[in-house]
Protein backbone atom coordinates (compact mmCIF):
# COMPACT_ATOMS: atom_id res chain seq x y z
CA MET A 1 38.79 14.70 -54.17
CA PRO A 2 40.38 14.44 -50.69
CA ASN A 3 44.11 13.76 -50.67
CA PHE A 4 44.72 10.35 -49.10
CA GLU A 5 47.74 8.11 -49.52
CA SER A 6 47.06 5.44 -52.12
CA GLU A 7 48.69 2.29 -53.40
CA SER A 8 48.84 0.85 -56.89
CA ARG A 9 47.13 -2.49 -57.55
CA SER A 10 48.83 -2.92 -60.92
CA THR A 11 50.45 -6.32 -61.42
CA THR A 12 50.26 -6.52 -65.22
CA PRO A 13 51.07 -4.24 -68.16
CA ALA A 14 48.57 -1.38 -68.56
CA VAL A 15 45.35 -2.37 -70.31
CA THR A 16 42.73 0.20 -71.24
CA VAL A 17 39.15 -0.56 -70.10
CA ASN A 18 36.36 2.00 -70.55
CA GLY A 19 39.06 4.53 -71.46
CA PHE A 20 40.91 3.95 -68.18
CA SER A 21 44.03 1.97 -67.22
CA ASP A 22 46.03 1.00 -64.13
CA ASP A 23 47.95 4.24 -64.57
CA ASN A 24 44.68 6.20 -64.83
CA PRO A 25 42.18 4.08 -62.90
CA GLN A 26 38.43 4.43 -63.22
CA PHE A 27 37.65 3.88 -59.54
CA THR A 28 38.99 4.97 -56.19
CA LEU A 29 38.30 2.36 -53.51
CA TYR A 30 38.56 3.30 -49.84
CA ALA A 31 39.12 0.31 -47.55
CA HIS A 32 41.08 -1.02 -44.55
CA HIS A 33 43.70 -3.78 -44.54
CA THR A 34 41.70 -5.92 -42.08
CA GLY A 35 38.21 -5.03 -43.31
CA PRO A 36 36.60 -7.91 -45.26
CA ASN A 37 34.05 -5.76 -47.07
CA GLY A 38 36.63 -3.60 -48.82
CA PHE A 39 38.43 -6.62 -50.21
CA LYS A 40 35.26 -8.20 -51.58
CA VAL A 41 34.69 -4.97 -53.52
CA ALA A 42 38.30 -5.12 -54.77
CA GLU A 43 37.71 -8.70 -55.89
CA VAL A 44 34.58 -7.79 -57.83
CA LEU A 45 36.42 -4.90 -59.51
CA SER A 46 39.31 -7.20 -60.40
CA GLU A 47 37.06 -10.02 -61.64
CA LEU A 48 35.37 -7.49 -63.95
CA SER A 49 38.77 -6.16 -65.14
CA LEU A 50 37.89 -2.68 -63.87
CA THR A 51 40.83 -0.46 -62.88
CA TYR A 52 41.02 1.05 -59.42
CA CYS A 53 43.23 2.92 -57.00
CA PHE A 54 43.18 1.33 -53.53
CA ILE A 55 43.35 3.74 -50.59
CA GLN A 56 44.01 2.18 -47.19
CA LEU A 57 42.30 4.14 -44.46
CA GLU A 58 42.90 3.86 -40.74
CA PHE A 59 40.44 3.85 -37.87
CA GLY A 60 39.88 7.10 -36.01
CA SER A 61 40.49 10.74 -36.83
CA GLY A 62 44.25 10.72 -37.46
CA LYS A 63 46.14 10.73 -40.75
CA ASN A 64 44.23 8.79 -43.42
CA GLY A 65 41.46 8.30 -40.87
CA MET A 66 37.85 7.27 -41.50
CA LYS A 67 36.54 9.80 -38.98
CA THR A 68 37.98 12.86 -40.70
CA PRO A 69 36.08 15.64 -42.49
CA ASP A 70 37.81 14.71 -45.76
CA TYR A 71 36.58 11.12 -45.70
CA GLU A 72 33.18 11.96 -44.22
CA ARG A 73 32.58 14.09 -47.31
CA ILE A 74 32.79 10.80 -49.22
CA ASN A 75 30.98 8.62 -46.69
CA PRO A 76 29.08 10.56 -44.02
CA ASN A 77 28.90 7.32 -42.01
CA GLY A 78 32.68 7.37 -41.66
CA ARG A 79 33.15 3.68 -42.44
CA ILE A 80 34.57 1.59 -45.25
CA PRO A 81 34.24 0.63 -48.02
CA ALA A 82 33.34 3.43 -50.40
CA ILE A 83 34.06 3.93 -54.08
CA VAL A 84 34.23 6.85 -56.45
CA ASP A 85 33.44 6.07 -60.09
CA HIS A 86 35.43 8.61 -62.09
CA GLY A 87 33.87 7.25 -65.27
CA ASN A 88 30.40 8.23 -64.07
CA ASN A 89 30.70 11.86 -62.97
CA ASP A 90 32.63 10.93 -59.80
CA LEU A 91 29.64 9.04 -58.45
CA ILE A 92 30.16 8.06 -54.80
CA ILE A 93 28.70 4.84 -53.40
CA TRP A 94 29.20 3.39 -49.94
CA GLU A 95 28.10 0.18 -48.21
CA SER A 96 29.54 -2.99 -49.73
CA GLY A 97 26.22 -4.49 -50.87
CA ALA A 98 25.25 -1.31 -52.71
CA ILE A 99 28.71 -1.06 -54.29
CA ILE A 100 28.80 -4.66 -55.49
CA LEU A 101 25.34 -4.52 -57.02
CA TYR A 102 26.13 -1.21 -58.73
CA LEU A 103 29.28 -2.67 -60.27
CA VAL A 104 27.66 -5.78 -61.71
CA LYS A 105 24.48 -4.03 -62.85
CA LYS A 106 26.39 -1.31 -64.68
CA TYR A 107 29.59 -3.04 -65.81
CA ASP A 108 28.94 -6.79 -66.01
CA THR A 109 26.88 -6.69 -69.19
CA PRO A 110 26.67 -8.29 -71.64
CA GLY A 111 29.33 -10.74 -70.45
CA TYR A 112 27.63 -11.66 -67.14
CA ARG A 113 30.75 -12.95 -65.43
CA LEU A 114 29.34 -12.42 -61.93
CA TRP A 115 25.79 -11.27 -62.71
CA ALA A 116 22.95 -12.59 -64.88
CA GLU A 117 20.77 -11.44 -67.76
CA SER A 118 17.27 -12.40 -66.62
CA VAL A 119 15.46 -10.79 -63.70
CA GLU A 120 14.75 -14.27 -62.39
CA ASP A 121 18.43 -15.23 -62.27
CA GLN A 122 19.36 -11.82 -60.87
CA SER A 123 16.88 -12.42 -58.06
CA LYS A 124 18.49 -15.77 -57.25
CA ILE A 125 21.88 -14.08 -56.94
CA GLU A 126 20.49 -11.23 -54.85
CA THR A 127 18.66 -13.66 -52.55
CA TRP A 128 21.92 -15.28 -51.44
CA ALA A 129 24.02 -12.11 -51.48
CA MET A 130 21.49 -10.07 -49.50
CA TRP A 131 20.80 -12.91 -47.07
CA PHE A 132 24.44 -13.02 -46.20
CA LEU A 133 24.93 -9.25 -46.04
CA HIS A 134 21.91 -9.04 -43.73
CA TYR A 135 23.15 -11.90 -41.58
CA HIS A 136 26.76 -10.91 -40.97
CA SER A 137 27.65 -8.84 -37.95
CA GLU A 138 30.71 -8.03 -35.94
CA ILE A 139 31.58 -10.37 -33.09
CA VAL A 140 30.21 -8.79 -29.92
CA PRO A 141 31.67 -10.46 -26.79
CA SER A 142 28.38 -10.35 -24.89
CA ALA A 143 26.62 -12.14 -27.74
CA GLN A 144 29.46 -14.42 -28.82
CA GLU A 145 27.68 -17.68 -28.02
CA ARG A 146 24.73 -16.69 -30.16
CA TYR A 147 27.08 -15.45 -32.91
CA ILE A 148 28.89 -18.80 -32.98
CA ALA A 149 25.65 -20.77 -33.13
CA GLU A 150 24.31 -18.59 -35.93
CA THR A 151 27.57 -18.86 -37.86
CA ARG A 152 27.43 -22.63 -37.68
CA ARG A 153 23.81 -22.56 -38.86
CA VAL A 154 24.73 -20.41 -41.86
CA LEU A 155 27.72 -22.60 -42.73
CA ALA A 156 25.52 -25.70 -42.63
CA ILE A 157 23.05 -24.06 -45.04
CA VAL A 158 25.87 -23.06 -47.39
CA GLU A 159 27.38 -26.57 -47.23
CA LYS A 160 24.02 -28.07 -48.21
CA GLN A 161 23.49 -25.56 -51.03
CA LEU A 162 26.92 -26.23 -52.53
CA LEU A 163 26.07 -29.93 -52.68
CA GLN A 164 22.83 -29.44 -54.60
CA PRO A 165 22.62 -31.26 -57.97
CA GLY A 166 23.80 -29.01 -60.79
CA SER A 167 25.46 -26.50 -58.46
CA ASN A 168 28.97 -27.28 -59.73
CA GLY A 169 30.10 -26.24 -56.27
CA TRP A 170 28.68 -22.69 -56.46
CA LEU A 171 25.76 -21.07 -54.66
CA VAL A 172 23.50 -20.31 -57.64
CA LEU A 173 23.33 -20.75 -61.43
CA GLY A 174 26.07 -23.41 -61.42
CA ARG A 175 28.84 -20.81 -61.67
CA ILE A 176 30.54 -18.09 -59.67
CA THR A 177 28.50 -14.95 -59.02
CA VAL A 178 28.73 -11.99 -56.66
CA ALA A 179 26.78 -14.09 -54.16
CA ASP A 180 29.83 -16.32 -53.74
CA ILE A 181 32.24 -13.42 -53.36
CA ALA A 182 29.94 -11.80 -50.78
CA PHE A 183 30.63 -14.74 -48.46
CA LEU A 184 34.36 -15.13 -48.90
CA HIS A 185 36.16 -12.87 -46.46
CA TRP A 186 33.98 -13.11 -43.41
CA TYR A 187 34.56 -16.84 -43.25
CA LEU A 188 38.31 -16.38 -43.18
CA HIS A 189 37.77 -15.14 -39.61
CA THR A 190 35.76 -18.02 -38.16
CA HIS A 191 38.64 -19.82 -36.47
CA ARG A 192 38.87 -16.83 -34.12
CA VAL A 193 35.71 -18.14 -32.44
CA GLY A 194 36.64 -21.81 -32.60
CA ILE A 195 34.96 -22.75 -35.88
CA TYR A 196 37.35 -24.62 -38.19
CA ILE A 197 35.69 -24.76 -41.59
CA GLU A 198 38.26 -27.10 -43.15
CA ASP A 199 37.43 -29.71 -40.52
CA GLU A 200 33.71 -29.15 -39.99
CA TYR A 201 32.44 -28.00 -43.40
CA PRO A 202 34.78 -29.48 -46.03
CA THR A 203 32.60 -28.53 -49.01
CA VAL A 204 32.51 -24.90 -47.88
CA TRP A 205 36.28 -25.01 -47.40
CA GLY A 206 36.81 -26.34 -50.92
CA TRP A 207 34.58 -23.58 -52.29
CA ILE A 208 36.58 -20.92 -50.43
CA GLU A 209 39.86 -22.36 -51.67
CA LYS A 210 38.52 -22.49 -55.24
CA MET A 211 37.63 -18.80 -55.09
CA LYS A 212 40.99 -17.86 -53.60
CA LYS A 213 42.76 -19.40 -56.61
CA ARG A 214 41.01 -17.12 -59.12
CA PRO A 215 43.35 -14.44 -60.55
CA GLY A 216 40.78 -11.68 -59.98
CA VAL A 217 40.25 -12.69 -56.38
CA GLN A 218 44.00 -12.96 -55.80
CA LYS A 219 44.53 -9.46 -57.17
CA GLY A 220 41.68 -8.11 -55.04
CA MET A 221 43.11 -9.77 -51.92
CA LYS A 222 46.47 -8.06 -52.33
CA GLY A 223 47.38 -6.36 -49.06
CA ALA A 224 44.71 -8.11 -46.97
CA ARG A 225 45.80 -8.93 -43.43
CA PHE A 226 43.64 -11.62 -41.87
CA PRO A 227 44.26 -13.81 -38.83
CA VAL A 228 45.87 -17.12 -39.74
CA ARG A 229 45.13 -20.42 -38.02
CA GLU A 230 48.23 -21.55 -36.20
CA ALA A 231 49.51 -25.13 -36.57
CA GLY A 232 47.83 -27.33 -34.00
CA GLU A 233 45.17 -24.72 -33.18
CA GLY A 234 41.84 -26.48 -32.62
CA GLY A 235 40.31 -28.94 -35.05
CA THR A 236 42.14 -32.02 -36.27
CA SER A 237 45.01 -30.58 -38.33
């Protein structure tokens, strides 16, 4: 495999899972410290107690760059995230949606911590996860007004869904699934465009905060660098 600088994600004594441990991790995850999609993959890995080595890449073609021949042998698209599953013949998968679904379909059985047993319930999870992954896009200045309006529309739909009877404050099945995690990190950026979820969508904010308190999510978020709302910036707080 290409030689990139890596960092350990071990915060607990070594535990062996699938014959691997924090000292000999099953997965290599390539991500960026400001890229939401890499951290949602890290959170799914952590929630499933799967061991991984986290490699922080940089933009461009310099050292540890995404646009280098070494990394493009892993992901010809030259973007993050990507994973290598050393427990499955060094299988390479890129694109966050494909990675997340691979992880739960292969490794979240029979416990179903983030996935589900029946095809019907799996389809409910995929409906929300794929809807969001299809929706999200980078903020393009020329289309910012449309982006803001669409973001508010999506947040209103999520707020309504979280309030449905029997939801227990989750998107589907009355419990956390990969559909919830798929939403998490992109909405940590919304205040950059003047949307303050804690003020405008309090149920969504409570859901985000509930996810952020989970040990697996906290481990997966280690090293993330996201913009922080400054005191007195917008909103009412």
